[in-house]
Amino acid sequence: MLDSLALLLEKTFLLAHLNFFSPASSKQERCAKRREDSTYFQRGDLLEVPRTLFTHFGIYLGDNKVAHLMPDILPVLTSNKSQIQKAVTNKRLLLGVIYKYALVRVDTVEDFAYGSPVLLNTMDTTLRRQPLAAEEVARRAEKLIGHIPYSLLWNNCEHFVTYCRYGTAVSLQTEQFCENLKSVIRDQRSVLLTTFIGMLSMFFLGIAPSTALPTFIIPFILWMAG
């Protein structure tokens, strides 16, 4: 049961952070800003790590340290700092998402990157905003170190770094996810698809309130919303 729920949340988490949800600068521009070691970073820089299916963000504090927001269930279960400071596993992360518990933690650049290349300050161009003074950015990040409420769509790692660097918490990934969701809802084929799935469930599971009501209510809501 727990493994199935973790798998479902993993798919949701990845969907909400897909790279195609993020407006990207040109390939040449992004490659020019790619760095492999911390000697290129300055205190207050915004670091971006493209994963296979999602993007993670952090604020460079200097001395090869990065502050970043990570969902994590382990601090709820133990106060052992040595265990908590170990790299966050997928199960810890997913259960943290479910419980809405996260930490702004400090890790080395290597642990933060987790084997991926690090992009430097690409959001300066994407957001077209003037960043705050570097020391102010770093101090904002340091003040938030510790427990912080977490929301997959409304308070994630991207909200954290944009608040620190630009003074306003925004998430381009969340905004694009919502736009894509609107497109799905507005597409009337969604009504036909949900009706078809509902009819199949009634055929295989039998006609009951648990199958009949969703079969009619969900397509109706999609029809009205579209």
Protein backbone atom coordinates (compact mmCIF):
# COMPACT_ATOMS: atom_id res chain seq x y z
CA MET A 1 0.00 0.00 0.00
CA LEU A 2 2.75 2.43 1.01
CA ASP A 3 4.86 1.53 -2.04
CA SER A 4 1.90 2.07 -4.37
CA LEU A 5 1.16 5.43 -2.76
CA ALA A 6 4.81 6.42 -3.00
CA LEU A 7 4.85 5.50 -6.70
CA LEU A 8 1.72 7.60 -7.33
CA LEU A 9 3.19 10.58 -5.50
CA GLU A 10 6.46 10.16 -7.37
CA LYS A 11 4.65 10.42 -10.71
CA THR A 12 2.75 13.49 -9.47
CA PHE A 13 5.95 15.07 -8.19
CA LEU A 14 7.74 14.47 -11.46
CA LEU A 15 4.79 15.69 -13.51
CA ALA A 16 4.70 18.93 -11.57
CA HIS A 17 8.41 19.46 -12.17
CA LEU A 18 8.85 18.31 -15.74
CA ASN A 19 11.54 20.22 -17.59
CA PHE A 20 9.16 21.11 -20.41
CA PHE A 21 7.12 23.04 -17.84
CA SER A 22 10.05 25.43 -17.39
CA PRO A 23 10.58 28.23 -19.89
CA ALA A 24 14.14 27.70 -21.06
CA SER A 25 16.72 30.08 -22.38
CA SER A 26 18.56 29.19 -25.56
CA LYS A 27 20.78 26.13 -25.62
CA GLN A 28 23.87 28.26 -26.13
CA GLU A 29 22.97 30.55 -23.25
CA ARG A 30 22.31 27.69 -20.84
CA CYS A 31 25.48 25.84 -21.80
CA ALA A 32 27.49 29.02 -21.35
CA LYS A 33 26.25 29.24 -17.77
CA ARG A 34 26.96 25.61 -16.90
CA ARG A 35 29.61 25.14 -14.25
CA GLU A 36 31.18 22.01 -12.84
CA ASP A 37 32.94 23.28 -9.67
CA SER A 38 32.20 25.82 -6.97
CA THR A 39 35.15 28.11 -7.78
CA TYR A 40 32.90 29.81 -10.35
CA PHE A 41 30.10 30.49 -7.86
CA GLN A 42 29.62 33.63 -5.82
CA ARG A 43 27.73 33.91 -2.54
CA GLY A 44 24.08 34.61 -3.38
CA ASP A 45 24.10 32.86 -6.77
CA LEU A 46 21.02 30.89 -7.79
CA LEU A 47 21.98 27.34 -8.75
CA GLU A 48 19.80 25.13 -10.91
CA VAL A 49 20.19 21.37 -11.35
CA PRO A 50 18.32 19.79 -14.28
CA ARG A 51 17.34 16.26 -13.32
CA THR A 52 16.07 13.72 -15.84
CA LEU A 53 12.44 14.76 -15.37
CA PHE A 54 12.48 17.75 -13.01
CA THR A 55 14.56 20.73 -11.92
CA HIS A 56 15.93 21.50 -8.46
CA PHE A 57 17.07 24.90 -7.16
CA GLY A 58 19.31 26.25 -4.43
CA ILE A 59 21.16 29.36 -3.21
CA TYR A 60 24.96 29.29 -2.99
CA LEU A 61 26.21 30.39 0.44
CA GLY A 62 29.95 30.22 -0.18
CA ASP A 63 32.53 27.68 0.99
CA ASN A 64 31.06 25.04 -1.33
CA LYS A 65 27.70 25.13 0.53
CA VAL A 66 24.20 25.36 -0.95
CA ALA A 67 20.91 26.09 0.84
CA HIS A 68 17.96 24.32 -0.76
CA LEU A 69 14.44 23.29 0.18
CA MET A 70 13.78 19.54 0.30
CA PRO A 71 10.65 17.66 1.42
CA ASP A 72 11.73 15.14 4.05
CA ILE A 73 9.78 12.94 6.48
CA LEU A 74 12.79 11.89 8.59
CA PRO A 75 12.88 14.97 10.87
CA VAL A 76 9.32 14.09 11.93
CA LEU A 77 10.45 10.64 12.99
CA THR A 78 13.81 11.36 14.63
CA SER A 79 15.93 14.18 16.03
CA ASN A 80 19.19 12.44 15.14
CA LYS A 81 20.98 15.15 13.14
CA SER A 82 23.54 12.78 11.66
CA GLN A 83 20.76 10.68 10.10
CA ILE A 84 18.81 13.70 8.91
CA GLN A 85 21.86 15.26 7.27
CA LYS A 86 22.43 12.21 5.05
CA ALA A 87 21.28 12.53 1.43
CA VAL A 88 17.49 12.50 1.16
CA THR A 89 16.24 9.29 -0.45
CA ASN A 90 13.25 9.19 -2.79
CA LYS A 91 11.08 7.52 -0.13
CA ARG A 92 11.98 10.19 2.44
CA LEU A 93 11.23 12.88 -0.10
CA LEU A 94 7.89 11.45 -1.21
CA LEU A 95 6.67 10.91 2.33
CA GLY A 96 7.72 14.47 3.09
CA VAL A 97 5.56 15.64 0.18
CA ILE A 98 2.59 13.69 1.56
CA TYR A 99 3.11 15.02 5.08
CA LYS A 100 3.89 18.52 3.74
CA TYR A 101 7.05 18.71 5.79
CA ALA A 102 10.27 20.12 4.39
CA LEU A 103 13.63 21.50 5.46
CA VAL A 104 15.74 24.25 4.07
CA ARG A 105 19.01 22.39 4.47
CA VAL A 106 22.65 23.10 3.67
CA ASP A 107 24.63 20.60 1.60
CA THR A 108 27.82 20.63 -0.42
CA VAL A 109 27.56 21.55 -4.09
CA GLU A 110 28.33 17.93 -4.96
CA ASP A 111 25.51 16.55 -2.81
CA PHE A 112 23.14 19.21 -4.11
CA ALA A 113 24.01 18.45 -7.74
CA TYR A 114 23.82 14.67 -7.22
CA GLY A 115 25.92 14.04 -10.32
CA SER A 116 24.11 16.52 -12.59
CA PRO A 117 25.58 19.70 -14.13
CA VAL A 118 24.84 22.94 -12.31
CA LEU A 119 23.41 25.94 -14.15
CA LEU A 120 24.18 29.39 -12.82
CA ASN A 121 21.68 32.26 -12.50
CA THR A 122 19.66 31.32 -15.60
CA MET A 123 16.48 32.67 -13.99
CA ASP A 124 17.86 36.22 -14.12
CA THR A 125 17.16 36.10 -17.85
CA THR A 126 14.03 33.97 -17.68
CA LEU A 127 12.26 36.17 -15.11
CA ARG A 128 13.79 39.40 -16.40
CA ARG A 129 14.12 40.71 -12.86
CA GLN A 130 16.97 42.48 -11.16
CA PRO A 131 18.30 40.29 -8.35
CA LEU A 132 18.81 41.65 -4.87
CA ALA A 133 22.30 42.31 -3.58
CA ALA A 134 24.21 39.03 -3.31
CA GLU A 135 24.72 39.29 0.46
CA GLU A 136 21.00 39.97 0.98
CA VAL A 137 20.15 36.89 -1.12
CA ALA A 138 22.42 34.67 0.97
CA ARG A 139 21.15 36.10 4.26
CA ARG A 140 17.54 35.49 3.26
CA ALA A 141 18.40 31.86 2.53
CA GLU A 142 20.27 31.47 5.82
CA LYS A 143 17.36 32.90 7.83
CA LEU A 144 15.06 30.22 6.41
CA ILE A 145 17.31 27.26 7.25
CA GLY A 146 15.29 24.70 9.19
CA HIS A 147 11.70 23.46 9.03
CA ILE A 148 9.39 25.15 6.56
CA PRO A 149 5.82 24.31 5.42
CA TYR A 150 5.82 22.55 2.07
CA SER A 151 3.43 22.48 -0.84
CA LEU A 152 4.23 20.74 -4.11
CA LEU A 153 2.64 23.52 -6.15
CA TRP A 154 2.60 26.57 -3.86
CA ASN A 155 5.75 26.42 -1.74
CA ASN A 156 8.49 24.38 -3.35
CA CYS A 157 12.24 24.78 -3.93
CA GLU A 158 11.67 27.26 -6.76
CA HIS A 159 9.51 29.50 -4.58
CA PHE A 160 12.31 29.43 -2.00
CA VAL A 161 15.08 30.56 -4.34
CA THR A 162 13.03 33.22 -6.13
CA TYR A 163 12.00 34.72 -2.80
CA CYS A 164 15.64 34.82 -1.72
CA ARG A 165 17.06 36.23 -4.95
CA TYR A 166 14.25 38.47 -6.25
CA GLY A 167 12.13 39.23 -3.19
CA THR A 168 9.02 37.54 -4.61
CA ALA A 169 8.23 33.82 -4.41
CA VAL A 170 7.21 32.48 -7.80
CA SER A 171 7.45 29.12 -9.55
CA LEU A 172 7.48 29.01 -13.32
CA GLN A 173 7.08 25.24 -13.20
CA THR A 174 3.89 25.57 -11.14
CA GLU A 175 2.51 28.26 -13.43
CA GLN A 176 3.15 26.15 -16.53
CA PHE A 177 1.67 23.07 -14.84
CA CYS A 178 -1.53 25.02 -14.11
CA GLU A 179 -1.67 26.29 -17.69
CA ASN A 180 -1.31 22.75 -19.02
CA LEU A 181 -3.98 21.57 -16.61
CA LYS A 182 -6.31 24.30 -17.91
CA SER A 183 -5.64 23.13 -21.46
CA VAL A 184 -6.58 19.57 -20.53
CA ILE A 185 -9.78 20.73 -18.83
CA ARG A 186 -10.74 22.96 -21.75
CA ASP A 187 -10.17 20.16 -24.25
CA GLN A 188 -13.62 18.61 -24.66
CA ARG A 189 -11.99 15.28 -25.48
CA SER A 190 -11.35 15.04 -21.74
CA VAL A 191 -15.11 14.83 -21.22
CA LEU A 192 -15.38 11.93 -23.66
CA LEU A 193 -12.37 10.17 -22.12
CA THR A 194 -13.63 10.43 -18.53
CA THR A 195 -17.11 9.31 -19.63
CA PHE A 196 -15.62 6.30 -21.41
CA ILE A 197 -13.50 5.37 -18.37
CA GLY A 198 -16.55 5.77 -16.12
CA MET A 199 -18.65 3.50 -18.34
CA LEU A 200 -15.90 0.87 -18.29
CA SER A 201 -15.77 0.99 -14.50
CA MET A 202 -19.53 0.52 -14.32
CA PHE A 203 -19.32 -2.39 -16.76
CA PHE A 204 -16.57 -4.23 -14.86
CA LEU A 205 -17.41 -3.19 -11.28
CA GLY A 206 -21.15 -2.96 -11.55
CA ILE A 207 -23.56 -0.06 -11.19
CA ALA A 208 -23.24 1.45 -7.73
CA PRO A 209 -23.01 4.97 -6.26
CA SER A 210 -19.22 4.64 -6.13
CA THR A 211 -19.06 4.08 -9.90
CA ALA A 212 -22.15 5.83 -11.23
CA LEU A 213 -21.70 9.19 -9.49
CA PRO A 214 -18.12 9.83 -10.71
CA THR A 215 -19.14 8.69 -14.20
CA PHE A 216 -21.63 11.54 -14.45
CA ILE A 217 -20.23 14.19 -12.08
CA ILE A 218 -16.64 14.33 -13.36
CA PRO A 219 -17.54 14.75 -17.07
CA PHE A 220 -20.18 17.32 -16.10
CA ILE A 221 -17.63 19.36 -14.13
CA LEU A 222 -15.15 19.18 -17.01
CA TRP A 223 -17.87 20.20 -19.47
CA MET A 224 -18.87 23.23 -17.38
CA ALA A 225 -15.25 24.21 -16.69
CA GLY A 226 -14.42 24.03 -20.37
